[in-house]
N, C-alpha and C. Protein backbone atom coordinates (compact mmCIF):
# COMPACT_ATOMS: atom_id res chain seq x y z
N UNK A 1 -4.04 10.09 -20.38
CA UNK A 1 -3.56 8.96 -19.58
C UNK A 1 -3.63 9.32 -18.10
N UNK A 2 -3.35 10.61 -17.77
CA UNK A 2 -3.41 11.01 -16.37
C UNK A 2 -4.81 10.88 -15.81
N UNK A 3 -5.84 11.20 -16.65
CA UNK A 3 -7.22 11.05 -16.19
C UNK A 3 -7.55 9.60 -15.90
N UNK A 4 -7.04 8.68 -16.74
CA UNK A 4 -7.26 7.26 -16.50
C UNK A 4 -6.65 6.85 -15.17
N UNK A 5 -5.48 7.38 -14.91
CA UNK A 5 -4.81 7.04 -13.64
C UNK A 5 -5.63 7.53 -12.45
N UNK A 6 -6.12 8.79 -12.54
CA UNK A 6 -6.88 9.34 -11.43
C UNK A 6 -8.18 8.60 -11.20
N UNK A 7 -8.72 8.00 -12.24
CA UNK A 7 -9.97 7.25 -12.09
C UNK A 7 -9.73 5.84 -11.59
N UNK A 8 -8.47 5.50 -11.39
CA UNK A 8 -8.15 4.20 -10.81
C UNK A 8 -7.82 3.12 -11.81
N UNK A 9 -7.71 3.46 -13.12
CA UNK A 9 -7.42 2.42 -14.11
C UNK A 9 -6.00 1.90 -13.98
N UNK A 10 -5.11 2.71 -13.40
CA UNK A 10 -3.75 2.25 -13.15
C UNK A 10 -3.51 2.30 -11.66
N UNK A 11 -3.21 1.17 -11.06
CA UNK A 11 -3.05 1.11 -9.61
C UNK A 11 -1.69 1.64 -9.19
N UNK A 12 -0.65 1.22 -9.83
CA UNK A 12 0.67 1.65 -9.45
C UNK A 12 1.05 2.85 -10.30
N UNK A 13 1.15 4.02 -9.65
CA UNK A 13 1.43 5.25 -10.39
C UNK A 13 2.91 5.53 -10.41
N UNK A 14 3.49 5.55 -11.60
CA UNK A 14 4.84 6.04 -11.78
C UNK A 14 4.82 6.98 -12.98
N UNK A 15 5.62 8.00 -12.92
CA UNK A 15 5.62 8.96 -14.01
C UNK A 15 6.19 8.35 -15.27
N UNK A 16 6.89 7.22 -15.16
CA UNK A 16 7.36 6.55 -16.36
C UNK A 16 6.21 6.05 -17.22
N UNK A 17 5.08 5.81 -16.57
CA UNK A 17 3.88 5.39 -17.30
C UNK A 17 3.00 6.59 -17.60
N UNK A 18 3.03 7.60 -16.75
CA UNK A 18 2.13 8.73 -16.93
C UNK A 18 2.51 9.56 -18.15
N UNK A 19 3.80 9.66 -18.43
CA UNK A 19 4.24 10.47 -19.57
C UNK A 19 4.16 9.66 -20.86
N UNK A 20 4.01 10.35 -21.97
CA UNK A 20 4.00 9.66 -23.26
C UNK A 20 5.35 9.02 -23.54
N UNK A 21 6.40 9.58 -22.95
CA UNK A 21 7.72 9.02 -23.14
C UNK A 21 7.80 7.61 -22.58
N UNK A 22 6.98 7.30 -21.61
CA UNK A 22 7.06 5.99 -20.98
C UNK A 22 6.73 4.89 -21.98
N UNK A 23 5.80 5.15 -22.90
CA UNK A 23 5.44 4.14 -23.89
C UNK A 23 6.67 3.79 -24.74
N UNK A 24 7.39 4.83 -25.17
CA UNK A 24 8.59 4.60 -25.96
C UNK A 24 9.63 3.87 -25.14
N UNK A 25 9.75 4.25 -23.89
CA UNK A 25 10.74 3.63 -23.01
C UNK A 25 10.48 2.14 -22.87
N UNK A 26 9.21 1.77 -22.58
CA UNK A 26 8.88 0.36 -22.40
C UNK A 26 9.10 -0.43 -23.68
N UNK A 27 8.73 0.17 -24.83
CA UNK A 27 8.86 -0.54 -26.10
C UNK A 27 10.32 -0.77 -26.46
N UNK A 28 11.18 0.24 -26.20
CA UNK A 28 12.56 0.16 -26.65
C UNK A 28 13.49 -0.49 -25.65
N UNK A 29 13.19 -0.37 -24.37
CA UNK A 29 14.16 -0.81 -23.37
C UNK A 29 13.70 -1.99 -22.54
N UNK A 30 12.51 -2.49 -22.78
CA UNK A 30 12.08 -3.68 -22.05
C UNK A 30 10.99 -3.39 -21.05
N UNK A 31 10.65 -4.41 -20.27
CA UNK A 31 9.53 -4.32 -19.34
C UNK A 31 9.88 -3.51 -18.10
N UNK A 32 8.86 -2.95 -17.50
CA UNK A 32 9.00 -2.31 -16.20
C UNK A 32 9.05 -3.41 -15.14
N UNK A 33 10.01 -3.34 -14.25
CA UNK A 33 10.12 -4.30 -13.15
C UNK A 33 9.70 -3.63 -11.85
N UNK A 34 8.87 -4.32 -11.07
CA UNK A 34 8.38 -3.77 -9.81
C UNK A 34 8.99 -4.50 -8.62
N UNK A 35 9.34 -3.74 -7.60
CA UNK A 35 9.96 -4.30 -6.40
C UNK A 35 9.29 -3.73 -5.16
N UNK A 36 8.90 -4.61 -4.24
CA UNK A 36 8.32 -4.17 -2.98
C UNK A 36 9.45 -3.95 -1.99
N UNK A 37 9.47 -2.79 -1.38
CA UNK A 37 10.51 -2.47 -0.40
C UNK A 37 10.44 -3.45 0.78
N UNK A 38 11.60 -3.86 1.28
CA UNK A 38 11.66 -4.82 2.38
C UNK A 38 11.62 -4.17 3.76
N UNK A 39 11.44 -2.86 3.80
CA UNK A 39 11.44 -2.16 5.08
C UNK A 39 10.28 -2.51 5.98
N UNK A 40 9.19 -3.04 5.39
CA UNK A 40 8.02 -3.44 6.16
C UNK A 40 7.72 -4.90 5.84
N UNK A 41 8.28 -5.83 6.58
CA UNK A 41 8.06 -7.25 6.29
C UNK A 41 6.70 -7.73 6.77
N UNK A 42 6.35 -8.95 6.41
CA UNK A 42 5.12 -9.55 6.92
C UNK A 42 5.23 -9.74 8.43
N UNK A 43 4.10 -9.62 9.12
CA UNK A 43 4.06 -9.79 10.56
C UNK A 43 3.57 -11.20 10.88
N UNK A 44 4.41 -12.04 11.50
CA UNK A 44 3.97 -13.40 11.85
C UNK A 44 2.77 -13.36 12.79
N UNK A 45 1.89 -14.34 12.69
CA UNK A 45 0.69 -14.38 13.53
C UNK A 45 1.04 -14.38 15.01
N UNK A 46 2.19 -14.98 15.35
CA UNK A 46 2.58 -15.07 16.75
C UNK A 46 3.06 -13.74 17.33
N UNK A 47 3.27 -12.74 16.46
CA UNK A 47 3.77 -11.44 16.93
C UNK A 47 2.67 -10.49 17.39
N UNK A 48 1.42 -10.83 17.11
CA UNK A 48 0.33 -9.95 17.51
C UNK A 48 0.02 -10.13 19.00
N UNK A 49 -0.09 -9.02 19.71
CA UNK A 49 -0.43 -9.02 21.13
C UNK A 49 -1.95 -8.93 21.26
N UNK A 50 -2.60 -10.07 21.36
CA UNK A 50 -4.06 -10.12 21.33
C UNK A 50 -4.65 -9.84 22.71
N UNK A 51 -5.80 -9.18 22.76
CA UNK A 51 -6.48 -8.96 24.05
C UNK A 51 -7.02 -10.28 24.60
N UNK A 52 -7.19 -10.35 25.90
CA UNK A 52 -7.70 -11.58 26.51
C UNK A 52 -9.11 -11.90 26.02
N UNK A 53 -9.89 -10.87 25.81
CA UNK A 53 -11.27 -11.06 25.31
C UNK A 53 -11.46 -10.22 24.06
N UNK A 54 -11.12 -10.74 22.89
CA UNK A 54 -11.29 -9.97 21.65
C UNK A 54 -12.75 -9.60 21.43
N UNK A 55 -12.95 -8.41 20.86
CA UNK A 55 -14.29 -7.91 20.58
C UNK A 55 -14.52 -7.81 19.07
N UNK A 56 -15.77 -7.85 18.63
CA UNK A 56 -16.05 -7.68 17.19
C UNK A 56 -15.78 -6.24 16.76
N UNK A 57 -15.53 -6.06 15.48
CA UNK A 57 -15.23 -4.72 14.98
C UNK A 57 -15.82 -4.52 13.59
N UNK A 58 -16.20 -3.30 13.31
CA UNK A 58 -16.62 -2.92 11.97
C UNK A 58 -15.40 -2.40 11.23
N UNK A 59 -15.12 -2.96 10.06
CA UNK A 59 -13.96 -2.56 9.28
C UNK A 59 -14.37 -1.63 8.15
N UNK A 60 -13.73 -0.47 8.11
CA UNK A 60 -13.91 0.50 7.03
C UNK A 60 -12.58 0.66 6.32
N UNK A 61 -12.56 0.45 5.00
CA UNK A 61 -11.31 0.55 4.25
C UNK A 61 -11.46 1.47 3.05
N UNK A 62 -10.40 2.26 2.82
CA UNK A 62 -10.37 3.14 1.66
C UNK A 62 -8.95 3.25 1.13
N UNK A 63 -8.80 3.08 -0.19
CA UNK A 63 -7.52 3.35 -0.84
C UNK A 63 -7.63 4.72 -1.48
N UNK A 64 -6.59 5.53 -1.31
CA UNK A 64 -6.60 6.88 -1.85
C UNK A 64 -5.38 7.11 -2.73
N UNK A 65 -5.53 8.03 -3.66
CA UNK A 65 -4.43 8.47 -4.50
C UNK A 65 -4.21 9.96 -4.25
N UNK A 66 -3.13 10.28 -3.56
CA UNK A 66 -2.83 11.65 -3.16
C UNK A 66 -4.02 12.27 -2.42
N UNK A 67 -4.62 11.50 -1.52
CA UNK A 67 -5.70 11.99 -0.68
C UNK A 67 -7.08 11.92 -1.29
N UNK A 68 -7.19 11.45 -2.53
CA UNK A 68 -8.48 11.36 -3.22
C UNK A 68 -8.90 9.89 -3.31
N UNK A 69 -10.15 9.59 -2.95
CA UNK A 69 -10.63 8.20 -2.94
C UNK A 69 -10.45 7.54 -4.30
N UNK A 70 -9.97 6.32 -4.29
CA UNK A 70 -9.75 5.53 -5.50
C UNK A 70 -10.60 4.26 -5.40
N UNK A 71 -11.85 4.30 -5.85
CA UNK A 71 -12.77 3.17 -5.67
C UNK A 71 -12.28 1.87 -6.29
N UNK A 72 -11.64 1.95 -7.45
CA UNK A 72 -11.21 0.74 -8.13
C UNK A 72 -10.13 0.01 -7.31
N UNK A 73 -9.17 0.78 -6.81
CA UNK A 73 -8.12 0.19 -5.99
C UNK A 73 -8.68 -0.30 -4.66
N UNK A 74 -9.64 0.43 -4.11
CA UNK A 74 -10.28 0.01 -2.87
C UNK A 74 -10.93 -1.35 -3.05
N UNK A 75 -11.64 -1.51 -4.16
CA UNK A 75 -12.32 -2.78 -4.44
C UNK A 75 -11.31 -3.91 -4.62
N UNK A 76 -10.17 -3.61 -5.26
CA UNK A 76 -9.16 -4.62 -5.51
C UNK A 76 -8.53 -5.13 -4.20
N UNK A 77 -8.35 -4.23 -3.23
CA UNK A 77 -7.58 -4.57 -2.03
C UNK A 77 -8.42 -4.85 -0.79
N UNK A 78 -9.73 -4.63 -0.86
CA UNK A 78 -10.54 -4.75 0.35
C UNK A 78 -10.52 -6.15 0.95
N UNK A 79 -10.52 -7.19 0.11
CA UNK A 79 -10.50 -8.56 0.64
C UNK A 79 -9.16 -8.86 1.31
N UNK A 80 -8.08 -8.35 0.71
CA UNK A 80 -6.76 -8.55 1.31
C UNK A 80 -6.67 -7.88 2.68
N UNK A 81 -7.20 -6.68 2.76
CA UNK A 81 -7.17 -5.95 4.03
C UNK A 81 -8.02 -6.67 5.09
N UNK A 82 -9.21 -7.11 4.71
CA UNK A 82 -10.07 -7.83 5.66
C UNK A 82 -9.40 -9.11 6.14
N UNK A 83 -8.77 -9.83 5.21
CA UNK A 83 -8.08 -11.07 5.58
C UNK A 83 -6.95 -10.80 6.57
N UNK A 84 -6.22 -9.72 6.34
CA UNK A 84 -5.11 -9.37 7.23
C UNK A 84 -5.62 -9.02 8.62
N UNK A 85 -6.70 -8.25 8.69
CA UNK A 85 -7.28 -7.87 9.98
C UNK A 85 -7.81 -9.12 10.70
N UNK A 86 -8.49 -9.98 9.98
CA UNK A 86 -9.05 -11.20 10.58
C UNK A 86 -7.95 -12.11 11.11
N UNK A 87 -6.90 -12.30 10.29
CA UNK A 87 -5.82 -13.21 10.67
C UNK A 87 -4.99 -12.69 11.84
N UNK A 88 -5.08 -11.39 12.12
CA UNK A 88 -4.32 -10.84 13.25
C UNK A 88 -4.82 -11.39 14.58
N UNK A 89 -6.10 -11.78 14.64
CA UNK A 89 -6.68 -12.30 15.86
C UNK A 89 -6.97 -11.24 16.91
N UNK A 90 -6.87 -9.97 16.53
CA UNK A 90 -7.13 -8.90 17.49
C UNK A 90 -8.61 -8.72 17.77
N UNK A 91 -9.45 -9.27 16.88
CA UNK A 91 -10.89 -9.09 17.00
C UNK A 91 -11.60 -10.43 16.87
N UNK A 92 -12.73 -10.56 17.56
CA UNK A 92 -13.48 -11.81 17.51
C UNK A 92 -14.21 -11.98 16.19
N UNK A 93 -14.55 -10.89 15.55
CA UNK A 93 -15.23 -10.92 14.25
C UNK A 93 -14.94 -9.62 13.52
N UNK A 94 -14.85 -9.70 12.19
CA UNK A 94 -14.57 -8.52 11.37
C UNK A 94 -15.63 -8.44 10.28
N UNK A 95 -16.32 -7.30 10.22
CA UNK A 95 -17.42 -7.16 9.27
C UNK A 95 -17.52 -5.72 8.79
N UNK A 96 -18.09 -5.56 7.59
CA UNK A 96 -18.35 -4.21 7.08
C UNK A 96 -19.57 -3.59 7.75
N UNK A 97 -20.35 -4.40 8.44
CA UNK A 97 -21.55 -3.92 9.13
C UNK A 97 -21.20 -3.47 10.55
N UNK A 98 -22.03 -2.60 11.15
CA UNK A 98 -21.79 -2.17 12.53
C UNK A 98 -21.66 -3.37 13.46
N UNK A 99 -20.70 -3.27 14.39
CA UNK A 99 -20.43 -4.38 15.30
C UNK A 99 -21.10 -4.15 16.65
N UNK A 100 -21.41 -5.23 17.31
CA UNK A 100 -21.95 -5.13 18.67
C UNK A 100 -20.92 -4.44 19.55
N UNK A 101 -21.35 -3.43 20.26
CA UNK A 101 -20.43 -2.65 21.08
C UNK A 101 -19.94 -1.40 20.39
N UNK A 102 -20.09 -1.35 19.08
CA UNK A 102 -19.79 -0.12 18.34
C UNK A 102 -18.35 0.11 17.97
N UNK A 103 -17.46 -0.89 18.11
CA UNK A 103 -16.05 -0.70 17.77
C UNK A 103 -15.88 -0.54 16.25
N UNK A 104 -15.00 0.39 15.86
CA UNK A 104 -14.76 0.66 14.44
C UNK A 104 -13.26 0.69 14.18
N UNK A 105 -12.84 -0.03 13.16
CA UNK A 105 -11.45 0.00 12.70
C UNK A 105 -11.45 0.61 11.30
N UNK A 106 -10.82 1.76 11.15
CA UNK A 106 -10.76 2.45 9.86
C UNK A 106 -9.34 2.33 9.31
N UNK A 107 -9.23 1.75 8.11
CA UNK A 107 -7.93 1.56 7.47
C UNK A 107 -7.89 2.36 6.17
N UNK A 108 -6.87 3.20 6.04
CA UNK A 108 -6.71 4.00 4.83
C UNK A 108 -5.29 3.81 4.30
N UNK A 109 -5.16 3.53 3.01
CA UNK A 109 -3.85 3.47 2.36
C UNK A 109 -3.82 4.58 1.31
N UNK A 110 -2.90 5.51 1.48
CA UNK A 110 -2.80 6.65 0.57
C UNK A 110 -1.54 6.54 -0.26
N UNK A 111 -1.70 6.53 -1.58
CA UNK A 111 -0.58 6.44 -2.52
C UNK A 111 -0.03 7.83 -2.79
N UNK A 112 1.19 8.10 -2.30
CA UNK A 112 1.84 9.39 -2.49
C UNK A 112 3.19 9.18 -3.17
N UNK A 113 3.58 10.07 -4.09
CA UNK A 113 4.86 9.90 -4.77
C UNK A 113 6.04 10.16 -3.85
N UNK A 114 7.10 9.40 -4.05
CA UNK A 114 8.38 9.68 -3.40
C UNK A 114 9.32 10.31 -4.42
N UNK A 115 9.40 9.69 -5.61
CA UNK A 115 10.09 10.32 -6.72
C UNK A 115 9.14 11.33 -7.36
N UNK A 116 9.57 12.58 -7.52
CA UNK A 116 8.69 13.59 -8.11
C UNK A 116 8.40 13.25 -9.56
N UNK A 117 7.26 13.72 -10.06
CA UNK A 117 6.89 13.45 -11.45
C UNK A 117 7.92 14.03 -12.41
N UNK A 118 8.43 15.25 -12.11
CA UNK A 118 9.39 15.88 -12.99
C UNK A 118 10.68 15.07 -13.07
N UNK A 119 11.13 14.58 -11.91
CA UNK A 119 12.35 13.78 -11.87
C UNK A 119 12.14 12.46 -12.62
N UNK A 120 10.99 11.84 -12.43
CA UNK A 120 10.71 10.56 -13.09
C UNK A 120 10.63 10.73 -14.60
N UNK A 121 10.02 11.81 -15.05
CA UNK A 121 9.93 12.05 -16.48
C UNK A 121 11.32 12.23 -17.08
N UNK A 122 12.20 12.94 -16.36
CA UNK A 122 13.56 13.13 -16.85
C UNK A 122 14.30 11.80 -16.93
N UNK A 123 14.11 10.95 -15.92
CA UNK A 123 14.75 9.63 -15.93
C UNK A 123 14.22 8.78 -17.07
N UNK A 124 12.91 8.81 -17.29
CA UNK A 124 12.30 8.04 -18.37
C UNK A 124 12.79 8.51 -19.73
N UNK A 125 12.96 9.81 -19.88
CA UNK A 125 13.44 10.37 -21.14
C UNK A 125 14.87 9.90 -21.40
N UNK A 126 15.70 9.92 -20.35
CA UNK A 126 17.07 9.46 -20.51
C UNK A 126 17.14 8.00 -20.88
N UNK A 127 16.30 7.18 -20.29
CA UNK A 127 16.27 5.76 -20.61
C UNK A 127 15.86 5.54 -22.06
N UNK A 128 14.86 6.30 -22.52
CA UNK A 128 14.39 6.17 -23.89
C UNK A 128 15.46 6.56 -24.90
N UNK A 129 16.18 7.63 -24.62
CA UNK A 129 17.21 8.10 -25.55
C UNK A 129 18.35 7.09 -25.69
N UNK A 130 18.63 6.36 -24.63
CA UNK A 130 19.72 5.39 -24.66
C UNK A 130 19.23 3.98 -25.00
N UNK A 131 17.97 3.85 -25.42
CA UNK A 131 17.39 2.56 -25.78
C UNK A 131 17.53 1.55 -24.65
N UNK A 132 17.41 2.05 -23.43
CA UNK A 132 17.42 1.17 -22.27
C UNK A 132 18.79 0.86 -21.73
N UNK A 133 19.86 1.36 -22.38
CA UNK A 133 21.21 1.07 -21.90
C UNK A 133 21.46 1.75 -20.56
N UNK A 134 20.83 2.90 -20.35
CA UNK A 134 20.90 3.58 -19.05
C UNK A 134 19.55 3.42 -18.39
N UNK A 135 19.48 2.62 -17.37
CA UNK A 135 18.19 2.36 -16.71
C UNK A 135 17.77 3.50 -15.80
N UNK A 136 16.56 3.41 -15.32
CA UNK A 136 16.05 4.43 -14.40
C UNK A 136 15.16 3.77 -13.35
N UNK A 137 14.98 4.49 -12.26
CA UNK A 137 14.17 3.97 -11.14
C UNK A 137 13.33 5.09 -10.54
N UNK A 138 12.09 4.76 -10.23
CA UNK A 138 11.22 5.68 -9.50
C UNK A 138 10.59 4.91 -8.34
N UNK A 139 10.11 5.65 -7.35
CA UNK A 139 9.54 5.03 -6.16
C UNK A 139 8.20 5.64 -5.81
N UNK A 140 7.24 4.78 -5.53
CA UNK A 140 5.91 5.19 -5.08
C UNK A 140 5.79 4.91 -3.59
N UNK A 141 5.25 5.85 -2.84
CA UNK A 141 5.07 5.68 -1.41
C UNK A 141 3.63 5.35 -1.06
N UNK A 142 3.45 4.61 0.03
CA UNK A 142 2.11 4.23 0.51
C UNK A 142 2.05 4.48 2.02
N UNK A 143 1.10 5.29 2.43
CA UNK A 143 0.93 5.63 3.84
C UNK A 143 -0.31 4.91 4.35
N UNK A 144 -0.10 3.95 5.25
CA UNK A 144 -1.20 3.18 5.82
C UNK A 144 -1.54 3.76 7.19
N UNK A 145 -2.78 4.20 7.35
CA UNK A 145 -3.24 4.76 8.62
C UNK A 145 -4.36 3.89 9.16
N UNK A 146 -4.19 3.41 10.39
CA UNK A 146 -5.19 2.59 11.06
C UNK A 146 -5.72 3.36 12.27
N UNK A 147 -7.02 3.64 12.27
CA UNK A 147 -7.68 4.32 13.39
C UNK A 147 -8.65 3.35 14.05
N UNK A 148 -8.54 3.24 15.37
CA UNK A 148 -9.43 2.34 16.09
C UNK A 148 -10.15 3.08 17.20
N UNK A 149 -11.48 2.91 17.23
CA UNK A 149 -12.32 3.46 18.31
C UNK A 149 -13.06 2.28 18.92
N UNK A 150 -12.78 1.99 20.18
CA UNK A 150 -13.34 0.80 20.82
C UNK A 150 -14.82 0.86 21.09
N UNK A 151 -15.33 2.04 21.33
CA UNK A 151 -16.75 2.22 21.63
C UNK A 151 -17.10 3.68 21.37
N UNK A 152 -18.36 3.96 21.08
CA UNK A 152 -18.76 5.35 20.84
C UNK A 152 -18.35 6.25 22.01
N UNK A 153 -17.65 7.33 21.66
CA UNK A 153 -17.22 8.27 22.69
C UNK A 153 -15.85 8.00 23.27
N UNK A 154 -15.27 6.84 22.99
CA UNK A 154 -13.94 6.52 23.52
C UNK A 154 -12.85 7.15 22.66
N UNK A 155 -11.65 7.24 23.22
CA UNK A 155 -10.56 7.89 22.51
C UNK A 155 -10.09 7.06 21.31
N UNK A 156 -9.70 7.75 20.26
CA UNK A 156 -9.21 7.08 19.05
C UNK A 156 -7.74 6.71 19.22
N UNK A 157 -7.39 5.52 18.75
CA UNK A 157 -5.99 5.08 18.71
C UNK A 157 -5.57 5.07 17.25
N UNK A 158 -4.50 5.76 16.93
CA UNK A 158 -4.06 5.87 15.53
C UNK A 158 -2.64 5.33 15.37
N UNK A 159 -2.44 4.52 14.32
CA UNK A 159 -1.13 3.99 13.98
C UNK A 159 -0.87 4.23 12.50
N UNK A 160 0.37 4.60 12.18
CA UNK A 160 0.73 4.94 10.80
C UNK A 160 1.98 4.16 10.38
N UNK A 161 1.93 3.56 9.18
CA UNK A 161 3.06 2.81 8.64
C UNK A 161 3.32 3.30 7.21
N UNK A 162 4.59 3.49 6.88
CA UNK A 162 4.98 3.92 5.53
C UNK A 162 5.60 2.74 4.78
N UNK A 163 5.18 2.56 3.53
CA UNK A 163 5.70 1.47 2.70
C UNK A 163 6.03 2.04 1.32
N UNK A 164 6.61 1.21 0.44
CA UNK A 164 7.01 1.72 -0.88
C UNK A 164 7.11 0.60 -1.91
N UNK A 165 6.91 1.00 -3.18
CA UNK A 165 7.15 0.13 -4.33
C UNK A 165 8.11 0.86 -5.26
N UNK A 166 9.15 0.16 -5.70
CA UNK A 166 10.11 0.72 -6.63
C UNK A 166 9.85 0.17 -8.02
N UNK A 167 10.03 0.99 -9.04
CA UNK A 167 9.88 0.54 -10.43
C UNK A 167 11.15 0.88 -11.19
N UNK A 168 11.66 -0.09 -11.95
CA UNK A 168 12.85 0.15 -12.76
C UNK A 168 12.54 -0.14 -14.23
N UNK A 169 13.24 0.58 -15.10
CA UNK A 169 13.10 0.39 -16.55
C UNK A 169 14.50 0.36 -17.15
N UNK A 170 14.69 -0.51 -18.12
CA UNK A 170 15.98 -0.56 -18.79
C UNK A 170 17.02 -1.31 -17.98
N UNK A 171 18.27 -1.03 -18.28
CA UNK A 171 19.39 -1.74 -17.63
C UNK A 171 19.67 -1.13 -16.27
N UNK A 172 18.77 -1.38 -15.35
CA UNK A 172 18.92 -0.85 -13.99
C UNK A 172 18.92 -2.02 -13.01
N UNK A 173 19.87 -1.99 -12.09
CA UNK A 173 19.95 -3.06 -11.10
C UNK A 173 18.74 -3.05 -10.19
N UNK A 174 18.45 -4.19 -9.61
CA UNK A 174 17.34 -4.27 -8.66
C UNK A 174 17.63 -3.35 -7.47
N UNK A 175 16.63 -2.61 -6.99
CA UNK A 175 16.83 -1.73 -5.84
C UNK A 175 17.27 -2.53 -4.62
N UNK A 176 18.12 -1.93 -3.82
CA UNK A 176 18.59 -2.60 -2.61
C UNK A 176 17.43 -2.80 -1.64
N UNK A 177 17.52 -3.86 -0.86
CA UNK A 177 16.53 -4.12 0.20
C UNK A 177 15.11 -4.15 -0.35
N UNK A 178 14.91 -4.93 -1.40
CA UNK A 178 13.58 -5.03 -2.01
C UNK A 178 13.38 -6.43 -2.58
N UNK A 179 12.11 -6.77 -2.85
CA UNK A 179 11.75 -8.07 -3.41
C UNK A 179 10.96 -7.87 -4.70
N UNK A 180 11.37 -8.52 -5.77
CA UNK A 180 10.70 -8.35 -7.05
C UNK A 180 9.30 -8.95 -7.02
N UNK A 181 8.34 -8.23 -7.58
CA UNK A 181 6.96 -8.70 -7.66
C UNK A 181 6.66 -9.12 -9.10
N UNK A 182 5.87 -10.18 -9.30
CA UNK A 182 5.59 -10.65 -10.66
C UNK A 182 4.71 -9.69 -11.46
N UNK A 183 3.89 -8.90 -10.76
CA UNK A 183 3.00 -7.97 -11.46
C UNK A 183 2.52 -6.90 -10.48
N UNK A 184 1.83 -5.89 -11.02
CA UNK A 184 1.38 -4.75 -10.20
C UNK A 184 0.36 -5.16 -9.15
N UNK A 185 -0.54 -6.09 -9.49
CA UNK A 185 -1.56 -6.51 -8.54
C UNK A 185 -0.93 -7.19 -7.33
N UNK A 186 0.04 -8.07 -7.59
CA UNK A 186 0.72 -8.75 -6.49
C UNK A 186 1.49 -7.76 -5.63
N UNK A 187 2.13 -6.79 -6.26
CA UNK A 187 2.87 -5.78 -5.51
C UNK A 187 1.94 -4.99 -4.60
N UNK A 188 0.79 -4.59 -5.13
CA UNK A 188 -0.17 -3.80 -4.35
C UNK A 188 -0.72 -4.61 -3.18
N UNK A 189 -1.06 -5.88 -3.42
CA UNK A 189 -1.61 -6.72 -2.35
C UNK A 189 -0.55 -7.00 -1.28
N UNK A 190 0.69 -7.14 -1.70
CA UNK A 190 1.77 -7.35 -0.74
C UNK A 190 1.94 -6.14 0.16
N UNK A 191 1.94 -4.95 -0.44
CA UNK A 191 2.06 -3.72 0.33
C UNK A 191 0.90 -3.59 1.32
N UNK A 192 -0.31 -3.89 0.86
CA UNK A 192 -1.48 -3.79 1.74
C UNK A 192 -1.36 -4.76 2.91
N UNK A 193 -0.99 -6.00 2.62
CA UNK A 193 -0.86 -7.02 3.68
C UNK A 193 0.20 -6.63 4.70
N UNK A 194 1.36 -6.20 4.20
CA UNK A 194 2.47 -5.90 5.10
C UNK A 194 2.24 -4.61 5.89
N UNK A 195 1.74 -3.58 5.22
CA UNK A 195 1.54 -2.30 5.91
C UNK A 195 0.43 -2.40 6.95
N UNK A 196 -0.69 -3.03 6.58
CA UNK A 196 -1.80 -3.17 7.52
C UNK A 196 -1.38 -4.08 8.68
N UNK A 197 -0.66 -5.14 8.38
CA UNK A 197 -0.19 -6.03 9.43
C UNK A 197 0.71 -5.32 10.42
N UNK A 198 1.62 -4.49 9.92
CA UNK A 198 2.53 -3.75 10.80
C UNK A 198 1.77 -2.75 11.67
N UNK A 199 0.78 -2.08 11.08
CA UNK A 199 -0.02 -1.13 11.84
C UNK A 199 -0.85 -1.83 12.92
N UNK A 200 -1.38 -3.01 12.58
CA UNK A 200 -2.16 -3.77 13.56
C UNK A 200 -1.28 -4.27 14.70
N UNK A 201 -0.03 -4.61 14.40
CA UNK A 201 0.87 -5.02 15.47
C UNK A 201 1.08 -3.86 16.45
N UNK A 202 1.26 -2.66 15.90
CA UNK A 202 1.41 -1.48 16.76
C UNK A 202 0.15 -1.26 17.60
N UNK A 203 -0.99 -1.49 16.96
CA UNK A 203 -2.26 -1.33 17.69
C UNK A 203 -2.36 -2.34 18.83
N UNK A 204 -2.03 -3.58 18.55
CA UNK A 204 -2.12 -4.62 19.57
C UNK A 204 -1.14 -4.39 20.72
N UNK A 205 0.00 -3.75 20.41
CA UNK A 205 0.99 -3.49 21.44
C UNK A 205 0.65 -2.28 22.30
N UNK A 206 -0.30 -1.48 21.86
CA UNK A 206 -0.68 -0.27 22.59
C UNK A 206 -1.46 -0.64 23.86
N UNK A 207 -1.02 -0.19 25.04
CA UNK A 207 -1.73 -0.51 26.29
C UNK A 207 -3.19 -0.05 26.30
N UNK A 208 -3.50 0.94 25.46
CA UNK A 208 -4.87 1.45 25.42
C UNK A 208 -5.81 0.51 24.67
N UNK A 209 -5.23 -0.50 23.99
CA UNK A 209 -6.07 -1.41 23.21
C UNK A 209 -6.42 -2.66 24.00
N UNK A 210 -7.42 -2.61 24.82
CA UNK A 210 -8.08 -3.78 25.40
C UNK A 210 -7.23 -4.72 26.21
N UNK A 211 -6.09 -4.27 26.78
CA UNK A 211 -5.26 -5.18 27.57
C UNK A 211 -5.47 -4.88 29.06
């Protein structure tokens, strides 16, 4: 199962699913519930500090799992990321092809654990033994890094935003300061939209960015 996860077959990694105990936990104690942390909200379009003369940009996006490229997740989220960059209005055009002027925007989202695998396995085991009467919670972290180079040879501007998804199993209350997601795909796209949007706001606010 771990190999399937590393190959990108499972987008949201929690040790409750990685361990064999997780199967028993889900069967006996109910569905896994996913919650997007509210610490990084959506950025309204009016909050972006746009340059007077926006320039076209080449967008490069990669989703990673603990620093290793995850092509399946990248393919799932690339349209969401492009839409978020386009809607920010920071650029006159957004394309995967080289842009006139040579500007490049590189976006990377790296999935890193917040709850350790050992701790999550212990929580999942406890939930299974109690048939879901004692719930458990684990948290996955997402590090969004946005690098912008306005022209070949110019200085790089880097912005970093941290986001998270919480997963609960069994009789566990909803995590504080979070919003329940209907499924893993929606949770992942929400994190991508919010994290990239927040990083782009930081980019637009930077005096070095075309103002």
